[in-house]
């Protein structure tokens, strides 16, 4: 199957599933993820791995701005409006949302740059790892990020030695890989 043909099929599946969710949002269960639902549907229907489906979904959304808009609308509808989370953000116009996100990107990068200068790369990498882990927890169990980070910190305090060693081992492997390049 050619790359173009494969992407066209994926586009149809994604669009079809977006339309299904628009007509019946309850397809995504209580704490389920709309984006993951579309991703897994794509993987199942095309009989490809989740990673390949993720790459393909990214290509479809990147190459088709209309589907990208529909995708974000359905995610916002299910995750924010219907679940009453982030309502003030979800009712803004797209331009205002984009400005807010752009501002957050710039602020976060500025804060991380200041942290690198003040505390060093190890602390910033540790901060990024903890943020990534807590976001994964939030996504997987359907809670907000604040709750997830508190659960993570609780676990890390309870298992201090183990989590410290795991994070340190990752950081060391990360730096080794960078040095090998």
N, C-alpha and C. Protein backbone atom coordinates (compact mmCIF):
# COMPACT_ATOMS: atom_id res chain seq x y z
N UNK A 1 0.85 -1.17 0.00
CA UNK A 1 0.00 0.00 0.00
C UNK A 1 0.90 1.24 0.00
N UNK A 2 0.65 2.17 -0.91
CA UNK A 2 1.47 3.38 -1.00
C UNK A 2 1.22 4.28 0.21
N UNK A 3 2.19 5.14 0.46
CA UNK A 3 2.08 6.06 1.60
C UNK A 3 0.87 6.96 1.44
N UNK A 4 0.64 7.45 0.22
CA UNK A 4 -0.51 8.33 -0.03
C UNK A 4 -1.83 7.58 0.20
N UNK A 5 -1.91 6.36 -0.31
CA UNK A 5 -3.11 5.55 -0.15
C UNK A 5 -3.36 5.24 1.32
N UNK A 6 -2.30 4.90 2.03
CA UNK A 6 -2.39 4.59 3.46
C UNK A 6 -2.89 5.80 4.24
N UNK A 7 -2.36 6.98 3.91
CA UNK A 7 -2.78 8.20 4.60
C UNK A 7 -4.23 8.55 4.25
N UNK A 8 -4.64 8.30 3.01
CA UNK A 8 -6.03 8.57 2.62
C UNK A 8 -7.00 7.66 3.38
N UNK A 9 -6.64 6.41 3.55
CA UNK A 9 -7.47 5.48 4.32
C UNK A 9 -7.54 5.93 5.78
N UNK A 10 -6.39 6.29 6.32
CA UNK A 10 -6.34 6.77 7.71
C UNK A 10 -7.19 8.02 7.88
N UNK A 11 -7.12 8.92 6.91
CA UNK A 11 -7.91 10.15 6.96
C UNK A 11 -9.40 9.84 7.03
N UNK A 12 -9.84 8.88 6.23
CA UNK A 12 -11.25 8.50 6.23
C UNK A 12 -11.67 7.88 7.57
N UNK A 13 -10.82 7.05 8.13
CA UNK A 13 -11.11 6.43 9.42
C UNK A 13 -11.20 7.49 10.50
N UNK A 14 -10.24 8.40 10.53
CA UNK A 14 -10.22 9.46 11.55
C UNK A 14 -11.46 10.33 11.42
N UNK A 15 -11.77 10.75 10.21
CA UNK A 15 -12.95 11.59 9.98
C UNK A 15 -14.24 10.86 10.37
N UNK A 16 -14.32 9.60 10.02
CA UNK A 16 -15.49 8.80 10.37
C UNK A 16 -15.66 8.70 11.88
N UNK A 17 -14.55 8.47 12.58
CA UNK A 17 -14.63 8.33 14.03
C UNK A 17 -14.93 9.67 14.71
N UNK A 18 -14.41 10.75 14.17
CA UNK A 18 -14.75 12.08 14.69
C UNK A 18 -16.25 12.30 14.56
N UNK A 19 -16.80 11.97 13.40
CA UNK A 19 -18.24 12.12 13.19
C UNK A 19 -19.04 11.22 14.12
N UNK A 20 -18.57 10.00 14.35
CA UNK A 20 -19.24 9.11 15.31
C UNK A 20 -19.27 9.73 16.70
N UNK A 21 -18.15 10.31 17.11
CA UNK A 21 -18.07 10.92 18.43
C UNK A 21 -18.91 12.20 18.53
N UNK A 22 -19.01 12.90 17.42
CA UNK A 22 -19.85 14.10 17.41
C UNK A 22 -21.32 13.73 17.59
N UNK A 23 -21.73 12.63 16.99
CA UNK A 23 -23.13 12.23 17.10
C UNK A 23 -23.41 11.47 18.40
N UNK A 24 -22.40 10.80 18.96
CA UNK A 24 -22.60 10.07 20.21
C UNK A 24 -21.32 10.11 21.06
N UNK A 25 -21.11 11.21 21.80
CA UNK A 25 -19.90 11.33 22.62
C UNK A 25 -19.78 10.27 23.71
N UNK A 26 -20.88 9.61 24.04
CA UNK A 26 -20.82 8.59 25.09
C UNK A 26 -20.04 7.36 24.65
N UNK A 27 -19.66 7.28 23.39
CA UNK A 27 -18.79 6.20 22.92
C UNK A 27 -17.51 6.20 23.76
N UNK A 28 -17.03 7.41 24.09
CA UNK A 28 -15.86 7.53 24.96
C UNK A 28 -16.37 7.46 26.38
N UNK A 29 -16.01 6.42 27.06
CA UNK A 29 -16.51 6.17 28.41
C UNK A 29 -16.10 7.27 29.37
N UNK A 30 -16.66 7.24 30.56
CA UNK A 30 -16.54 8.28 31.58
C UNK A 30 -15.15 8.91 31.71
N UNK A 31 -14.14 8.11 31.94
CA UNK A 31 -12.80 8.67 32.08
C UNK A 31 -11.92 8.38 30.87
N UNK A 32 -12.54 7.94 29.78
CA UNK A 32 -11.79 7.62 28.58
C UNK A 32 -11.27 8.86 27.88
N UNK A 33 -10.42 8.65 26.94
CA UNK A 33 -9.79 9.74 26.20
C UNK A 33 -10.27 9.70 24.75
N UNK A 34 -10.80 10.83 24.28
CA UNK A 34 -11.31 10.91 22.91
C UNK A 34 -10.19 10.71 21.89
N UNK A 35 -9.05 11.33 22.14
CA UNK A 35 -7.93 11.19 21.21
C UNK A 35 -7.44 9.74 21.16
N UNK A 36 -7.36 9.10 22.32
CA UNK A 36 -6.93 7.70 22.37
C UNK A 36 -7.95 6.80 21.68
N UNK A 37 -9.23 7.10 21.84
CA UNK A 37 -10.27 6.32 21.18
C UNK A 37 -10.06 6.35 19.67
N UNK A 38 -9.81 7.52 19.13
CA UNK A 38 -9.59 7.65 17.68
C UNK A 38 -8.31 6.92 17.29
N UNK A 39 -7.26 7.08 18.09
CA UNK A 39 -5.99 6.42 17.82
C UNK A 39 -6.14 4.89 17.81
N UNK A 40 -6.80 4.34 18.82
CA UNK A 40 -6.96 2.88 18.89
C UNK A 40 -7.87 2.37 17.78
N UNK A 41 -8.89 3.15 17.42
CA UNK A 41 -9.75 2.76 16.31
C UNK A 41 -8.94 2.69 15.03
N UNK A 42 -8.08 3.68 14.82
CA UNK A 42 -7.22 3.70 13.64
C UNK A 42 -6.29 2.49 13.64
N UNK A 43 -5.67 2.20 14.77
CA UNK A 43 -4.76 1.05 14.86
C UNK A 43 -5.51 -0.25 14.57
N UNK A 44 -6.69 -0.41 15.16
CA UNK A 44 -7.47 -1.65 14.96
C UNK A 44 -7.94 -1.80 13.53
N UNK A 45 -8.50 -0.75 12.96
CA UNK A 45 -9.04 -0.87 11.60
C UNK A 45 -7.96 -1.05 10.54
N UNK A 46 -6.80 -0.45 10.77
CA UNK A 46 -5.72 -0.58 9.78
C UNK A 46 -4.79 -1.74 10.12
N UNK A 47 -5.03 -2.37 11.28
CA UNK A 47 -4.21 -3.49 11.74
C UNK A 47 -2.72 -3.12 11.77
N UNK A 48 -2.46 -2.00 12.49
CA UNK A 48 -1.09 -1.52 12.66
C UNK A 48 -0.85 -1.31 14.16
N UNK A 49 0.41 -1.12 14.52
CA UNK A 49 0.75 -0.91 15.93
C UNK A 49 0.24 0.46 16.40
N UNK A 50 0.15 0.61 17.70
CA UNK A 50 -0.27 1.90 18.24
C UNK A 50 0.72 2.99 17.87
N UNK A 51 2.01 2.68 17.86
CA UNK A 51 3.02 3.68 17.49
C UNK A 51 2.85 4.10 16.04
N UNK A 52 2.64 3.13 15.13
CA UNK A 52 2.42 3.46 13.73
C UNK A 52 1.13 4.27 13.56
N UNK A 53 0.11 3.90 14.33
CA UNK A 53 -1.16 4.64 14.27
C UNK A 53 -0.96 6.06 14.79
N UNK A 54 -0.17 6.21 15.83
CA UNK A 54 0.11 7.54 16.37
C UNK A 54 0.82 8.40 15.34
N UNK A 55 1.81 7.83 14.68
CA UNK A 55 2.54 8.57 13.63
C UNK A 55 1.60 8.93 12.48
N UNK A 56 0.77 7.98 12.09
CA UNK A 56 -0.16 8.20 10.99
C UNK A 56 -1.21 9.25 11.35
N UNK A 57 -1.73 9.19 12.57
CA UNK A 57 -2.70 10.19 13.02
C UNK A 57 -2.06 11.57 13.01
N UNK A 58 -0.83 11.67 13.47
CA UNK A 58 -0.12 12.96 13.44
C UNK A 58 0.02 13.48 12.02
N UNK A 59 0.34 12.60 11.08
CA UNK A 59 0.46 13.00 9.67
C UNK A 59 -0.87 13.51 9.13
N UNK A 60 -1.94 12.76 9.42
CA UNK A 60 -3.27 13.15 8.94
C UNK A 60 -3.64 14.52 9.49
N UNK A 61 -3.46 14.72 10.78
CA UNK A 61 -3.83 15.99 11.40
C UNK A 61 -2.94 17.13 10.91
N UNK A 62 -1.67 16.85 10.70
CA UNK A 62 -0.74 17.87 10.21
C UNK A 62 -1.07 18.27 8.77
N UNK A 63 -1.38 17.27 7.94
CA UNK A 63 -1.61 17.53 6.52
C UNK A 63 -3.00 18.01 6.18
N UNK A 64 -3.94 17.88 7.10
CA UNK A 64 -5.31 18.30 6.82
C UNK A 64 -5.83 19.20 7.95
N UNK A 65 -5.68 20.51 7.79
CA UNK A 65 -6.09 21.45 8.83
C UNK A 65 -7.58 21.35 9.20
N UNK A 66 -8.42 20.98 8.26
CA UNK A 66 -9.85 20.86 8.56
C UNK A 66 -10.11 19.70 9.52
N UNK A 67 -9.47 18.58 9.26
CA UNK A 67 -9.63 17.43 10.16
C UNK A 67 -8.98 17.75 11.51
N UNK A 68 -7.86 18.45 11.48
CA UNK A 68 -7.20 18.86 12.71
C UNK A 68 -8.14 19.70 13.58
N UNK A 69 -8.86 20.64 12.95
CA UNK A 69 -9.83 21.47 13.69
C UNK A 69 -10.96 20.62 14.26
N UNK A 70 -11.49 19.70 13.46
CA UNK A 70 -12.55 18.83 13.94
C UNK A 70 -12.08 17.96 15.09
N UNK A 71 -10.85 17.48 14.98
CA UNK A 71 -10.26 16.64 16.01
C UNK A 71 -10.17 17.39 17.33
N UNK A 72 -9.63 18.61 17.29
CA UNK A 72 -9.48 19.37 18.53
C UNK A 72 -10.85 19.76 19.09
N UNK A 73 -11.80 20.03 18.23
CA UNK A 73 -13.15 20.35 18.69
C UNK A 73 -13.78 19.19 19.44
N UNK A 74 -13.63 17.97 18.92
CA UNK A 74 -14.24 16.82 19.58
C UNK A 74 -13.53 16.53 20.90
N UNK A 75 -12.21 16.69 20.94
CA UNK A 75 -11.47 16.50 22.18
C UNK A 75 -11.91 17.53 23.22
N UNK A 76 -12.01 18.79 22.80
CA UNK A 76 -12.46 19.83 23.73
C UNK A 76 -13.88 19.59 24.20
N UNK A 77 -14.75 19.18 23.28
CA UNK A 77 -16.14 18.94 23.64
C UNK A 77 -16.25 17.86 24.71
N UNK A 78 -15.56 16.75 24.49
CA UNK A 78 -15.67 15.63 25.42
C UNK A 78 -14.90 15.90 26.71
N UNK A 79 -13.67 16.36 26.60
CA UNK A 79 -12.81 16.50 27.78
C UNK A 79 -13.07 17.76 28.58
N UNK A 80 -13.58 18.80 27.95
CA UNK A 80 -13.76 20.05 28.68
C UNK A 80 -15.23 20.40 28.89
N UNK A 81 -15.96 20.50 27.81
CA UNK A 81 -17.35 20.95 27.93
C UNK A 81 -18.23 19.92 28.63
N UNK A 82 -18.24 18.69 28.13
CA UNK A 82 -19.11 17.67 28.71
C UNK A 82 -18.68 17.27 30.11
N UNK A 83 -17.40 17.29 30.36
CA UNK A 83 -16.90 16.92 31.69
C UNK A 83 -16.74 18.15 32.59
N UNK A 84 -17.12 19.29 32.07
CA UNK A 84 -17.09 20.55 32.82
C UNK A 84 -15.68 20.86 33.35
N UNK A 85 -14.67 20.57 32.54
CA UNK A 85 -13.29 20.88 32.90
C UNK A 85 -12.76 21.87 31.87
N UNK A 86 -12.16 22.93 32.33
CA UNK A 86 -11.58 23.91 31.42
C UNK A 86 -12.62 24.62 30.58
N UNK A 87 -13.82 24.80 31.12
CA UNK A 87 -14.91 25.39 30.34
C UNK A 87 -14.55 26.79 29.84
N UNK A 88 -13.93 27.60 30.71
CA UNK A 88 -13.61 28.97 30.28
C UNK A 88 -12.66 28.96 29.09
N UNK A 89 -11.75 27.99 29.04
CA UNK A 89 -10.84 27.88 27.89
C UNK A 89 -11.58 27.38 26.66
N UNK A 90 -12.44 26.38 26.85
CA UNK A 90 -13.08 25.74 25.71
C UNK A 90 -14.05 26.65 24.97
N UNK A 91 -14.57 27.69 25.63
CA UNK A 91 -15.53 28.57 24.96
C UNK A 91 -14.87 29.76 24.27
N UNK A 92 -13.55 29.88 24.40
CA UNK A 92 -12.83 30.97 23.72
C UNK A 92 -12.75 30.69 22.23
N UNK A 93 -12.54 31.74 21.46
CA UNK A 93 -12.29 31.58 20.02
C UNK A 93 -10.91 30.93 19.84
N UNK A 94 -10.74 30.30 18.68
CA UNK A 94 -9.49 29.59 18.40
C UNK A 94 -8.27 30.51 18.53
N UNK A 95 -8.39 31.75 18.06
CA UNK A 95 -7.26 32.68 18.11
C UNK A 95 -6.86 32.95 19.57
N UNK A 96 -7.84 33.11 20.45
CA UNK A 96 -7.55 33.36 21.87
C UNK A 96 -6.91 32.12 22.50
N UNK A 97 -7.38 30.94 22.11
CA UNK A 97 -6.79 29.71 22.63
C UNK A 97 -5.34 29.60 22.18
N UNK A 98 -5.10 29.90 20.91
CA UNK A 98 -3.74 29.82 20.38
C UNK A 98 -2.82 30.81 21.07
N UNK A 99 -3.30 32.01 21.33
CA UNK A 99 -2.48 33.01 22.04
C UNK A 99 -2.16 32.53 23.45
N UNK A 100 -3.15 31.95 24.12
CA UNK A 100 -2.94 31.44 25.48
C UNK A 100 -1.89 30.34 25.47
N UNK A 101 -2.00 29.42 24.53
CA UNK A 101 -1.04 28.31 24.43
C UNK A 101 0.34 28.84 24.09
N UNK A 102 0.42 29.78 23.13
CA UNK A 102 1.70 30.38 22.75
C UNK A 102 2.35 31.05 23.96
N UNK A 103 1.57 31.77 24.72
CA UNK A 103 2.08 32.43 25.93
C UNK A 103 2.61 31.41 26.92
N UNK A 104 1.90 30.31 27.09
CA UNK A 104 2.35 29.27 28.02
C UNK A 104 3.63 28.60 27.54
N UNK A 105 3.76 28.39 26.24
CA UNK A 105 4.99 27.81 25.70
C UNK A 105 6.16 28.73 26.01
N UNK A 106 6.00 30.02 25.70
CA UNK A 106 7.09 30.98 25.93
C UNK A 106 7.44 31.08 27.41
N UNK A 107 6.42 31.13 28.27
CA UNK A 107 6.67 31.23 29.71
C UNK A 107 7.39 29.99 30.24
N UNK A 108 6.94 28.82 29.81
CA UNK A 108 7.56 27.58 30.27
C UNK A 108 9.01 27.49 29.82
N UNK A 109 9.27 27.82 28.55
CA UNK A 109 10.65 27.77 28.06
C UNK A 109 11.53 28.78 28.78
N UNK A 110 10.98 29.94 29.07
CA UNK A 110 11.72 30.96 29.81
C UNK A 110 12.04 30.48 31.23
N UNK A 111 11.05 29.90 31.90
CA UNK A 111 11.27 29.38 33.25
C UNK A 111 12.30 28.26 33.26
N UNK A 112 12.20 27.36 32.27
CA UNK A 112 13.17 26.26 32.22
C UNK A 112 14.57 26.79 31.93
N UNK A 113 14.69 27.81 31.09
CA UNK A 113 16.00 28.41 30.80
C UNK A 113 16.58 29.03 32.06
N UNK A 114 15.75 29.72 32.83
CA UNK A 114 16.20 30.32 34.09
C UNK A 114 16.61 29.22 35.08
N UNK A 115 15.85 28.13 35.13
CA UNK A 115 16.19 27.02 36.02
C UNK A 115 17.52 26.39 35.63
N UNK A 116 17.77 26.27 34.33
CA UNK A 116 19.06 25.71 33.87
C UNK A 116 20.19 26.60 34.36
N UNK A 117 20.02 27.91 34.18
CA UNK A 117 21.06 28.86 34.60
C UNK A 117 21.25 28.85 36.11
N UNK A 118 20.17 28.75 36.86
CA UNK A 118 20.25 28.84 38.32
C UNK A 118 20.54 27.52 39.02
N UNK A 119 20.02 26.40 38.46
CA UNK A 119 20.12 25.13 39.18
C UNK A 119 20.83 24.02 38.42
N UNK A 120 20.98 24.17 37.12
CA UNK A 120 21.68 23.17 36.32
C UNK A 120 20.73 22.26 35.54
N UNK A 121 21.32 21.60 34.56
CA UNK A 121 20.56 20.75 33.64
C UNK A 121 19.93 19.54 34.33
N UNK A 122 20.62 18.97 35.33
CA UNK A 122 20.08 17.80 36.01
C UNK A 122 18.74 18.09 36.67
N UNK A 123 18.64 19.24 37.32
CA UNK A 123 17.39 19.60 38.00
C UNK A 123 16.28 19.83 36.98
N UNK A 124 16.60 20.47 35.87
CA UNK A 124 15.59 20.73 34.83
C UNK A 124 15.14 19.41 34.20
N UNK A 125 16.08 18.53 33.93
CA UNK A 125 15.70 17.23 33.36
C UNK A 125 14.83 16.46 34.35
N UNK A 126 15.17 16.50 35.61
CA UNK A 126 14.35 15.83 36.64
C UNK A 126 12.95 16.44 36.68
N UNK A 127 12.86 17.75 36.60
CA UNK A 127 11.57 18.45 36.59
C UNK A 127 10.74 18.03 35.37
N UNK A 128 11.39 17.94 34.22
CA UNK A 128 10.69 17.51 32.99
C UNK A 128 10.21 16.07 33.11
N UNK A 129 11.04 15.21 33.68
CA UNK A 129 10.65 13.81 33.86
C UNK A 129 9.45 13.69 34.78
N UNK A 130 9.47 14.39 35.89
CA UNK A 130 8.36 14.33 36.84
C UNK A 130 7.09 14.85 36.19
N UNK A 131 7.21 15.92 35.42
CA UNK A 131 6.05 16.46 34.73
C UNK A 131 5.51 15.46 33.72
N UNK A 132 6.40 14.82 32.98
CA UNK A 132 5.98 13.84 31.98
C UNK A 132 5.30 12.64 32.64
N UNK A 133 5.86 12.16 33.73
CA UNK A 133 5.28 11.01 34.44
C UNK A 133 3.90 11.38 34.99
N UNK A 134 3.79 12.56 35.60
CA UNK A 134 2.51 12.96 36.17
C UNK A 134 1.46 13.18 35.09
N UNK A 135 1.86 13.69 33.94
CA UNK A 135 0.90 13.84 32.84
C UNK A 135 0.43 12.48 32.32
N UNK A 136 1.33 11.53 32.29
CA UNK A 136 0.96 10.17 31.87
C UNK A 136 -0.03 9.57 32.85
N UNK A 137 0.22 9.78 34.13
CA UNK A 137 -0.70 9.29 35.16
C UNK A 137 -2.07 9.95 34.99
N UNK A 138 -2.08 11.27 34.83
CA UNK A 138 -3.34 12.01 34.66
C UNK A 138 -4.11 11.48 33.46
N UNK A 139 -3.42 11.30 32.37
CA UNK A 139 -4.06 10.81 31.14
C UNK A 139 -4.60 9.40 31.32
N UNK A 140 -3.82 8.54 31.92
CA UNK A 140 -4.20 7.13 32.02
C UNK A 140 -5.32 6.86 33.01
N UNK A 141 -5.41 7.66 34.08
CA UNK A 141 -6.48 7.39 35.03
C UNK A 141 -7.58 8.44 35.00
N UNK A 142 -7.45 9.42 34.10
CA UNK A 142 -8.52 10.38 33.89
C UNK A 142 -8.70 11.40 35.00
N UNK A 143 -7.58 11.88 35.54
CA UNK A 143 -7.67 12.92 36.56
C UNK A 143 -6.93 14.15 36.07
N UNK A 144 -7.11 15.28 36.75
CA UNK A 144 -6.40 16.47 36.31
C UNK A 144 -4.94 16.39 36.75
N UNK A 145 -4.13 17.25 36.17
CA UNK A 145 -2.69 17.20 36.39
C UNK A 145 -2.32 17.47 37.84
N UNK A 146 -3.03 18.40 38.48
CA UNK A 146 -2.71 18.70 39.88
C UNK A 146 -2.89 17.46 40.76
N UNK A 147 -3.98 16.75 40.56
CA UNK A 147 -4.21 15.53 41.34
C UNK A 147 -3.14 14.48 41.02
N UNK A 148 -2.80 14.35 39.75
CA UNK A 148 -1.80 13.36 39.35
C UNK A 148 -0.44 13.66 39.95
N UNK A 149 -0.06 14.92 39.96
CA UNK A 149 1.27 15.25 40.51
C UNK A 149 1.29 15.02 42.01
N UNK A 150 0.18 15.28 42.67
CA UNK A 150 0.13 15.01 44.10
C UNK A 150 0.23 13.51 44.37
N UNK A 151 -0.45 12.70 43.55
CA UNK A 151 -0.34 11.24 43.69
C UNK A 151 1.10 10.79 43.43
N UNK A 152 1.73 11.36 42.43
CA UNK A 152 3.11 11.01 42.11
C UNK A 152 4.04 11.39 43.26
N UNK A 153 3.90 12.60 43.77
CA UNK A 153 4.75 13.03 44.88
C UNK A 153 4.55 12.15 46.10
N UNK A 154 3.30 11.77 46.36
CA UNK A 154 3.02 10.86 47.48
C UNK A 154 3.80 9.56 47.28
N UNK A 155 3.68 8.99 46.08
CA UNK A 155 4.36 7.73 45.78
C UNK A 155 5.88 7.89 45.89
N UNK A 156 6.39 9.01 45.36
CA UNK A 156 7.83 9.23 45.37
C UNK A 156 8.35 9.38 46.80
N UNK A 157 7.59 10.06 47.63
CA UNK A 157 8.01 10.20 49.03
C UNK A 157 8.00 8.83 49.72
N UNK A 158 6.99 8.04 49.43
CA UNK A 158 6.84 6.72 50.04
C UNK A 158 7.93 5.75 49.56
N UNK A 159 8.35 5.92 48.31
CA UNK A 159 9.35 5.03 47.71
C UNK A 159 10.57 5.85 47.27
N UNK A 160 11.06 6.66 48.17
CA UNK A 160 12.10 7.65 47.85
C UNK A 160 13.33 7.03 47.20
N UNK A 161 13.90 6.04 47.82
CA UNK A 161 15.14 5.44 47.31
C UNK A 161 14.94 4.85 45.91
N UNK A 162 13.87 4.07 45.75
CA UNK A 162 13.59 3.41 44.47
C UNK A 162 13.36 4.43 43.36
N UNK A 163 12.52 5.43 43.60
CA UNK A 163 12.22 6.41 42.55
C UNK A 163 13.44 7.27 42.26
N UNK A 164 14.19 7.63 43.29
CA UNK A 164 15.41 8.43 43.07
C UNK A 164 16.39 7.66 42.18
N UNK A 165 16.59 6.38 42.49
CA UNK A 165 17.50 5.56 41.69
C UNK A 165 17.02 5.39 40.26
N UNK A 166 15.72 5.19 40.07
CA UNK A 166 15.16 5.03 38.72
C UNK A 166 15.35 6.30 37.89
N UNK A 167 15.06 7.42 38.49
CA UNK A 167 15.22 8.69 37.77
C UNK A 167 16.69 8.96 37.48
N UNK A 168 17.55 8.72 38.44
CA UNK A 168 18.98 8.93 38.25
C UNK A 168 19.53 8.02 37.15
N UNK A 169 19.08 6.77 37.14
CA UNK A 169 19.50 5.82 36.10
C UNK A 169 19.07 6.32 34.72
N UNK A 170 17.83 6.82 34.61
CA UNK A 170 17.36 7.36 33.33
C UNK A 170 18.21 8.55 32.90
N UNK A 171 18.46 9.47 33.84
CA UNK A 171 19.25 10.67 33.52
C UNK A 171 20.64 10.28 33.03
N UNK A 172 21.27 9.32 33.71
CA UNK A 172 22.60 8.88 33.30
C UNK A 172 22.59 8.26 31.90
N UNK A 173 21.60 7.41 31.61
CA UNK A 173 21.48 6.81 30.27
C UNK A 173 21.20 7.89 29.22
N UNK A 174 20.39 8.86 29.59
CA UNK A 174 20.06 9.97 28.69
C UNK A 174 21.33 10.73 28.29
N UNK A 175 22.13 11.09 29.29
CA UNK A 175 23.38 11.81 29.00
C UNK A 175 24.36 10.95 28.20
N UNK A 176 24.42 9.65 28.51
CA UNK A 176 25.30 8.75 27.74
C UNK A 176 24.92 8.74 26.27
N UNK A 177 23.63 8.67 26.01
CA UNK A 177 23.17 8.66 24.62
C UNK A 177 23.52 9.96 23.90
N UNK A 178 23.38 11.05 24.60
CA UNK A 178 23.72 12.35 24.00
C UNK A 178 25.21 12.40 23.69
N UNK A 179 26.03 11.92 24.61
CA UNK A 179 27.49 11.96 24.41
C UNK A 179 27.91 11.09 23.24
N UNK A 180 27.20 9.98 22.99
CA UNK A 180 27.56 9.06 21.89
C UNK A 180 27.28 9.65 20.52
N UNK A 181 26.45 10.64 20.46
CA UNK A 181 26.10 11.23 19.15
C UNK A 181 27.20 12.05 18.69
